[in-house]
Protein backbone atom coordinates (compact mmCIF):
# COMPACT_ATOMS: atom_id res chain seq x y z
CA MET A 1 36.03 -12.54 7.66
CA SER A 2 35.89 -8.92 7.43
CA VAL A 3 35.69 -6.30 4.97
CA GLN A 4 37.08 -3.18 4.30
CA ASN A 5 34.03 -0.61 5.75
CA GLU A 6 33.95 1.83 3.31
CA LYS A 7 31.10 4.34 4.21
CA SER A 8 28.14 5.12 2.55
CA ARG A 9 26.82 8.70 0.74
CA TYR A 10 23.62 7.81 2.59
CA ASN A 11 23.18 8.46 6.51
CA LEU A 12 22.14 4.56 7.23
CA ARG A 13 20.11 3.38 10.19
CA SER A 14 21.88 1.63 12.92
CA LYS A 15 20.02 -1.31 12.73
CA PHE A 16 20.41 -1.59 9.27
CA LYS A 17 24.22 -1.27 9.77
CA LEU A 18 24.39 -3.85 12.27
CA GLN A 19 22.72 -6.15 9.43
CA LEU A 20 25.27 -5.66 7.35
CA GLU A 21 28.03 -6.21 9.79
CA ARG A 22 26.11 -9.56 10.21
CA PHE A 23 26.94 -10.47 6.37
CA SER A 24 30.26 -8.89 6.71
CA LEU A 25 29.25 -6.18 4.16
CA SER A 26 30.14 -2.67 3.77
CA GLU A 27 28.51 -0.23 4.53
CA ASN A 28 28.57 1.43 0.88
CA PHE A 29 27.19 -2.27 -0.16
CA PHE A 30 23.78 -1.12 -1.46
CA ASP A 31 24.31 2.73 -2.38
CA SER A 32 23.61 1.60 -6.03
CA CYS A 33 20.57 0.52 -5.09
CA PHE A 34 19.47 3.89 -2.94
CA ASP A 35 20.84 5.96 -5.79
CA SER A 36 17.87 4.09 -8.20
CA ALA A 37 15.35 4.30 -5.43
CA ILE A 38 15.12 7.91 -5.26
CA SER A 39 15.42 8.83 -8.62
CA MET A 40 12.35 6.57 -9.11
CA SER A 41 8.45 8.27 -8.74
CA SER A 42 7.01 7.66 -5.45
CA ASN A 43 4.45 5.39 -7.01
CA MET A 44 7.12 3.40 -8.96
CA LEU A 45 9.13 2.26 -5.61
CA LYS A 46 5.98 1.77 -4.17
CA LYS A 47 5.19 -0.89 -6.60
CA LYS A 48 8.95 -2.34 -6.22
CA LEU A 49 8.46 -2.38 -2.00
CA TRP A 50 5.39 -4.27 -2.10
CA ASP A 51 6.52 -6.78 -4.56
CA MET A 52 9.93 -7.03 -2.05
CA SER A 53 7.11 -8.18 -0.18
CA PHE A 54 6.58 -11.64 -1.42
CA LYS A 55 9.17 -14.48 -2.35
CA GLU A 56 7.03 -15.06 -5.08
CA SER A 57 7.72 -11.33 -6.57
CA VAL A 58 11.14 -10.24 -4.98
CA ASP A 59 13.46 -11.65 -7.74
CA GLY A 60 12.21 -9.52 -10.02
CA VAL A 61 13.02 -6.44 -8.29
CA LEU A 62 16.13 -7.59 -6.43
CA LYS A 63 17.18 -7.80 -10.78
CA PHE A 64 16.13 -4.38 -11.01
CA PHE A 65 18.71 -3.56 -8.06
CA GLY A 66 21.67 -5.80 -9.64
CA LEU A 67 21.12 -8.09 -6.86
CA SER A 68 19.96 -12.00 -6.53
CA VAL A 69 19.70 -14.25 -3.19
CA ASN A 70 20.81 -16.82 -6.18
CA GLU A 71 23.90 -18.42 -7.46
CA GLY A 72 24.34 -17.13 -10.75
CA GLY A 73 26.35 -15.55 -13.96
CA ASP A 74 24.07 -12.85 -14.76
CA GLY A 75 26.57 -10.21 -12.99
CA SER A 76 24.11 -10.08 -9.86
CA LYS A 77 25.67 -9.37 -6.84
CA ARG A 78 24.76 -12.23 -4.63
CA ILE A 79 22.95 -11.26 -0.78
CA ASN A 80 21.31 -13.51 1.74
CA PRO A 81 17.74 -13.62 1.29
CA GLU A 82 17.89 -12.51 4.85
CA LEU A 83 18.83 -9.18 3.70
CA VAL A 84 15.65 -8.53 1.81
CA LEU A 85 13.22 -7.30 4.27
CA PRO A 86 15.85 -4.70 6.02
CA LEU A 87 16.93 -3.97 2.48
CA ARG A 88 13.15 -3.01 1.51
CA ASN A 89 12.93 -1.22 4.89
CA GLU A 90 15.92 0.98 4.82
CA LEU A 91 15.18 1.83 0.78
CA ARG A 92 11.42 3.50 2.43
CA TRP A 93 13.58 5.28 5.14
CA GLN A 94 15.95 7.02 2.32
CA TYR A 95 13.42 7.46 0.16
CA THR A 96 11.22 9.40 2.99
CA THR A 97 14.49 11.20 4.51
CA ASN A 98 15.79 12.15 1.55
CA ILE A 99 12.88 12.64 -1.04
CA ASP A 100 9.38 12.77 0.15
CA LYS A 101 8.70 12.39 4.25
CA ASN A 102 5.16 11.97 3.57
CA PHE A 103 6.29 8.80 1.31
CA LEU A 104 3.66 5.94 1.91
CA LYS A 105 1.06 8.08 3.92
CA PRO A 106 -2.69 7.88 2.38
CA SER A 107 -4.10 11.41 1.89
CA PHE A 108 -7.99 10.82 2.86
CA SER A 109 -10.78 13.19 1.18
CA LEU A 110 -12.22 13.69 4.80
CA PRO A 111 -11.50 13.13 8.56
CA CYS A 112 -13.86 10.98 8.91
CA TYR A 113 -12.01 8.43 6.37
CA GLU A 114 -8.70 9.11 8.35
CA GLU A 115 -10.21 7.95 11.52
CA ALA A 116 -11.43 5.14 10.14
CA TYR A 117 -7.88 4.41 8.68
CA THR A 118 -5.86 5.03 12.36
CA LYS A 119 -8.38 1.98 13.67
CA PHE A 120 -7.43 -0.24 10.87
CA SER A 121 -3.66 0.78 11.30
CA LYS A 122 -3.81 -0.20 14.88
CA GLU A 123 -5.11 -3.58 14.15
CA PHE A 124 -3.51 -3.91 11.08
CA GLY A 125 0.12 -4.00 12.63
CA THR A 126 3.38 -1.70 11.99
CA ASP A 127 4.51 -2.57 8.23
CA GLN A 128 3.80 0.67 6.56
CA ILE A 129 4.72 -0.65 2.95
CA LEU A 130 1.80 -3.41 3.21
CA LYS A 131 -0.49 -1.37 4.46
CA SER A 132 -0.19 1.48 2.28
CA GLY A 133 -0.45 -1.17 -0.84
CA ILE A 134 -3.53 -2.73 0.41
CA ILE A 135 -4.95 0.81 0.65
CA THR A 136 -4.47 1.22 -2.96
CA TYR A 137 -5.84 -2.02 -3.67
CA LEU A 138 -9.38 -0.76 -1.65
CA GLU A 139 -9.72 2.32 -3.33
CA ILE A 140 -9.43 1.31 -6.73
CA PHE A 141 -11.98 -1.49 -4.84
CA LEU A 142 -14.65 1.21 -3.63
CA ARG A 143 -13.89 2.96 -6.91
CA LEU A 144 -16.10 0.20 -8.74
CA ASP A 145 -19.05 0.96 -6.60
CA ASP A 146 -20.31 -2.12 -6.76
CA ARG A 147 -22.58 -2.26 -3.55
CA SER A 148 -23.52 -6.36 -4.56
CA LEU A 149 -19.76 -6.98 -4.65
CA THR A 150 -18.71 -5.05 -2.08
CA GLU A 151 -21.27 -6.58 0.67
CA LYS A 152 -20.67 -9.98 -0.84
CA THR A 153 -16.46 -9.10 -0.19
CA ILE A 154 -17.10 -8.00 3.06
CA TYR A 155 -19.06 -11.12 4.31
CA LEU A 156 -15.89 -13.31 2.87
CA LEU A 157 -13.92 -11.65 4.46
CA LYS A 158 -15.33 -11.45 7.90
CA SER A 159 -16.03 -15.71 7.58
CA LYS A 160 -14.01 -17.70 9.96
CA ARG A 161 -13.20 -19.79 6.74
CA GLU A 162 -9.99 -19.29 5.52
CA ASN A 163 -11.06 -20.10 2.02
CA PHE A 164 -14.23 -17.81 2.28
CA ILE A 165 -11.39 -15.09 3.48
CA TYR A 166 -9.30 -16.04 0.46
CA GLY A 167 -11.80 -15.18 -2.06
CA GLY A 168 -12.91 -11.75 -0.09
CA LEU A 169 -8.83 -11.02 -1.05
CA ARG A 170 -9.17 -11.93 -4.30
CA ASN A 171 -12.26 -9.72 -4.59
CA ILE A 172 -10.24 -6.73 -3.97
CA GLY A 173 -7.68 -7.15 -6.40
CA MET A 174 -5.33 -9.64 -5.24
CA LYS A 175 -2.89 -11.98 -6.87
CA SER A 176 -3.14 -15.69 -5.30
CA TYR A 177 0.11 -15.65 -3.52
CA GLU A 178 -1.01 -12.11 -2.16
CA ALA A 179 -3.84 -13.19 -0.91
CA ASN A 180 -2.24 -16.16 1.03
CA LEU A 181 -0.46 -13.87 3.13
CA PHE A 182 -3.21 -11.86 4.26
CA ILE A 183 -5.85 -14.46 5.23
CA SER A 184 -5.25 -14.21 8.86
CA LYS A 185 -5.48 -9.99 8.35
CA GLY A 186 -9.24 -10.70 6.55
CA GLU A 187 -11.01 -9.68 8.74
CA VAL A 188 -9.46 -6.82 9.69
CA ILE A 189 -9.28 -6.06 5.98
CA GLY A 190 -13.11 -6.94 5.95
CA ASN A 191 -13.97 -4.15 8.83
CA PHE A 192 -12.21 -1.13 7.13
CA ILE A 193 -13.74 -1.97 3.88
CA SER A 194 -16.89 -2.22 5.89
CA GLU A 195 -16.71 1.38 7.61
CA CYS A 196 -15.26 3.04 4.40
CA TYR A 197 -18.36 1.79 2.15
CA LEU A 198 -20.83 3.46 4.68
CA LEU A 199 -19.09 6.64 5.14
CA SER A 200 -18.93 6.60 1.15
CA GLU A 201 -22.79 6.23 0.93
CA GLU A 202 -22.88 8.65 3.51
CA ASN A 203 -20.79 11.36 2.45
CA GLY A 204 -20.15 10.67 -1.45
CA GLY A 205 -17.28 10.58 -3.66
CA SER A 206 -13.87 9.06 -3.23
CA ILE A 207 -11.75 8.18 0.09
CA MET A 208 -9.07 9.47 -1.13
CA GLU A 209 -7.92 12.47 -2.44
CA ASP A 210 -8.27 12.86 -6.07
CA ASN A 211 -4.70 13.41 -6.99
CA VAL A 212 -3.89 9.50 -5.26
CA THR A 213 -3.26 7.54 -8.40
CA SER A 214 -2.63 3.65 -8.50
CA GLN A 215 0.07 1.67 -9.38
CA VAL A 216 -1.48 -2.09 -9.17
CA GLU A 217 -1.60 -3.79 -11.70
CA ALA A 218 -4.81 -5.72 -10.51
CA THR A 219 -7.96 -3.84 -9.70
CA THR A 220 -10.39 -6.91 -9.15
CA ALA A 221 -9.88 -10.61 -9.72
CA SER A 222 -8.57 -10.06 -13.51
CA PRO A 223 -5.45 -7.92 -13.37
CA PHE A 224 -6.72 -6.00 -16.75
CA ALA A 225 -10.44 -5.47 -16.03
CA ASN A 226 -9.58 -1.70 -15.58
CA LEU A 227 -6.82 -1.23 -17.91
CA GLY A 228 -8.84 -0.09 -20.97
CA HIS A 229 -10.15 2.85 -18.88
CA LEU A 230 -6.57 3.61 -17.68
CA LEU A 231 -5.46 3.61 -20.95
CA LYS A 232 -7.98 5.65 -22.21
CA ASP A 233 -7.44 8.66 -19.59
CA LYS A 234 -4.21 9.25 -20.69
CA GLY A 235 -5.47 9.43 -24.10
CA ILE A 236 -4.37 6.02 -25.59
CA GLU A 237 -7.50 4.78 -27.92
CA LEU A 238 -7.68 1.05 -27.97
CA PRO A 239 -9.31 -0.66 -30.80
CA GLU A 240 -13.35 -0.41 -30.25
CA PHE A 241 -13.32 -4.60 -30.08
CA CYS A 242 -11.06 -4.51 -27.08
CA GLU A 243 -14.15 -2.70 -25.44
CA GLU A 244 -16.80 -5.61 -26.18
CA GLU A 245 -17.74 -8.32 -23.74
CA SER A 246 -16.61 -11.88 -24.47
CA THR A 247 -19.15 -14.09 -26.70
CA ILE A 248 -19.11 -16.71 -23.78
CA THR A 249 -22.66 -16.69 -22.51
CA PRO A 250 -23.04 -14.89 -18.99
CA ASN A 251 -24.34 -18.39 -17.24
CA ILE A 252 -21.00 -20.45 -17.41
CA PRO A 253 -19.46 -20.71 -14.89
CA VAL A 254 -15.61 -20.23 -13.85
CA SER A 255 -12.80 -21.23 -11.46
CA CYS A 256 -12.07 -19.01 -8.94
CA GLU A 257 -8.53 -18.59 -9.99
CA GLU A 258 -10.78 -16.66 -13.25
CA SER A 259 -13.30 -14.49 -11.19
CA PHE A 260 -14.60 -13.92 -7.89
CA SER A 261 -17.98 -11.43 -9.04
CA THR A 262 -19.56 -14.25 -9.88
CA PRO A 263 -22.63 -13.71 -7.77
CA ASN A 264 -23.16 -17.49 -6.99
CA ILE A 265 -19.96 -19.19 -7.48
CA PRO A 266 -17.89 -20.54 -4.70
CA ILE A 267 -14.76 -19.07 -3.68
CA GLN A 268 -12.22 -21.23 -2.13
CA ASN A 269 -8.09 -21.56 -2.29
CA PRO A 270 -7.00 -23.75 -4.99
CA SER A 271 -4.69 -25.28 -2.33
CA GLU A 272 -7.21 -26.58 -0.38
CA SER A 273 -9.78 -29.30 -0.99
CA SER A 274 -13.38 -28.81 -0.71
CA GLN A 275 -15.27 -29.79 2.99
CA THR A 276 -18.48 -31.78 3.25
CA GLU A 277 -20.31 -31.70 6.45
CA GLY A 278 -23.16 -33.56 7.41
CA SER A 279 -23.73 -30.29 9.81
CA VAL A 280 -23.70 -27.40 7.65
CA SER A 281 -26.73 -25.59 5.54
CA GLN A 282 -28.12 -26.20 2.26
CA HIS A 283 -26.79 -22.64 1.17
CA THR A 284 -23.10 -23.20 2.02
CA GLN A 285 -23.37 -27.12 0.39
CA GLU A 286 -23.98 -24.80 -2.69
CA LEU A 287 -21.22 -22.21 -2.41
CA ASP A 288 -18.75 -25.41 -2.05
CA LYS A 289 -19.45 -27.09 -5.01
CA THR A 290 -18.96 -25.88 -8.82
CA PRO A 291 -21.88 -26.65 -10.94
CA GLU A 292 -21.02 -29.17 -14.26
CA LEU A 293 -21.28 -27.35 -17.30
CA PRO A 294 -24.38 -27.96 -19.61
CA GLU A 295 -23.30 -30.51 -22.78
CA ASP A 296 -23.97 -28.13 -25.41
CA GLU A 297 -21.57 -24.83 -23.35
CA LYS A 298 -18.71 -26.89 -23.23
CA ASN A 299 -17.47 -26.35 -26.18
CA LEU A 300 -17.62 -22.84 -26.92
CA GLU A 301 -14.96 -21.25 -28.66
CA VAL A 302 -13.98 -18.21 -26.88
CA ALA A 303 -12.78 -15.08 -28.84
CA PRO A 304 -9.11 -14.74 -29.42
CA ILE A 305 -7.75 -11.81 -27.96
CA PRO A 306 -6.62 -8.87 -29.35
CA GLU A 307 -2.79 -8.52 -30.58
CA VAL A 308 -2.75 -4.70 -28.46
CA LEU A 309 -3.77 -6.26 -25.44
CA GLU A 310 -1.70 -9.16 -25.96
CA GLN A 311 1.23 -6.82 -25.85
CA ILE A 312 0.10 -5.19 -22.81
CA MET A 313 -0.23 -8.35 -21.21
CA GLY A 314 3.07 -10.03 -21.88
CA ASN A 315 4.74 -6.42 -20.81
CA ALA A 316 2.34 -5.58 -17.74
CA ALA A 317 5.01 -4.03 -15.36
CA LEU A 318 6.38 -1.77 -17.98
CA VAL A 319 2.84 -0.26 -19.26
CA ASP A 320 2.27 -0.14 -15.17
CA ASP A 321 5.77 2.14 -14.97
CA PHE A 322 4.83 3.98 -18.03
CA ILE A 323 1.18 5.19 -16.30
CA ASN A 324 3.10 6.18 -13.46
CA ILE A 325 5.62 8.13 -14.76
CA TYR A 326 3.25 9.94 -17.23
CA ASP A 327 1.50 10.83 -14.36
CA GLU A 328 4.30 12.28 -12.26
CA VAL A 329 5.49 13.79 -16.06
CA VAL A 330 1.57 15.86 -16.48
CA LYS A 331 1.70 16.37 -12.88
CA ALA A 332 4.91 17.97 -13.42
CA GLY A 333 3.81 20.59 -16.12
CA LEU A 334 5.20 19.14 -19.10
CA ASP A 335 3.88 18.59 -22.45
CA VAL A 336 3.90 15.14 -22.95
CA ASN A 337 3.44 14.57 -26.59
CA TYR A 338 6.08 17.61 -27.19
CA LEU A 339 8.66 15.58 -24.96
CA ILE A 340 8.46 12.54 -27.37
CA SER A 341 8.50 14.63 -30.73
CA LYS A 342 11.11 16.53 -29.66
CA ARG A 343 13.10 13.10 -27.69
CA ASP A 344 16.22 12.80 -29.15
CA ALA A 345 17.09 16.79 -28.99
CA VAL A 346 16.06 16.74 -25.40
CA LYS A 347 17.94 13.45 -24.50
CA THR A 348 20.82 15.60 -25.76
CA LEU A 349 19.89 18.19 -23.53
CA LEU A 350 20.15 16.30 -20.25
CA ASP A 351 22.85 14.55 -21.70
CA GLY A 352 24.97 17.85 -21.47
CA TYR A 353 23.12 18.98 -18.23
CA PHE A 354 23.94 15.84 -16.47
CA GLY A 355 27.48 15.77 -17.69
CA LEU A 356 27.88 18.99 -16.52
CA LEU A 357 26.98 18.19 -13.00
CA GLU A 358 29.33 15.48 -13.26
CA GLU A 359 32.18 17.58 -13.95
CA ALA A 360 31.44 20.15 -11.21
CA SER A 361 31.01 17.36 -8.63
CA LYS A 362 34.52 16.93 -8.99
CA TYR A 363 35.57 20.40 -8.01
CA LEU A 364 33.31 20.12 -4.62
CA GLN A 365 34.60 17.05 -3.82
CA LYS A 366 38.41 19.12 -3.48
């Protein structure tokens, strides 16, 4: 079926145009998506592109752009699933071309880190979106400055056993479905962490420039492990009891889906059954089994989660976007508290400003 091939307002790459022709779509079919993308902060778009890389998280991003790969009556434009990856890559390209030529390029604090990244990049592959997301995870992970956890994670990632590699990836903060995708890259990631860790001990400080901020929700195995510190950095105070430790005794073992920082607990992929081989060492057998809870610890009550954290967890993506936008506003030199206090007046001003631009554009098109 042929369609009227209306030209796009954007300079699309030839390979993306071929994909549009393949599915009988006009060149301007995704223009509204590009409009939304180039209006975002770099961190926000980076998170959207990362989520488009996984089937478990792609639907939310497509919905944000008014798209869907499924039939439905929600008003979304339906696209073939095969177009998701080309669209993701074209969004990156358009933002890089029109907004920020250094988009997704990491800025390292020292040349030695950049040399380590160059080696990692060659071994990992060419997908810049995935590499950028992994670098963000690793930057946060290394900032924890936990020697024991770091050494354990490097050991797991360099293992030949998939369940160990999976555990190492979960240690650096990846969600379960993200970790499953990168199991084949475990050794490459482990080598990069090892090299950066050694360099940080020699040189001190962070591997990235100080102005590099994170947009990734998970910082350790728990997606909210570092949330309190992030919010405090932005001037948002949580109740004191939010910082208190759980009343559960520290020796209670937890499953790999809950924590990967417990020193002697196995780290296994939930989809894999535990393996027992007569030739494996006693140490490996200890890693592969989950200890039984003592009777007097099975019925311990967990302290209730404070309401403010329930609200944050229920709106994790929104809070994440808020923190990133806050950074962009402050970076631009604006007073956030002033903007909030004058919200209605500022909105009126902006509405008038954009209205004038719209009127002016009509004359320019004539």
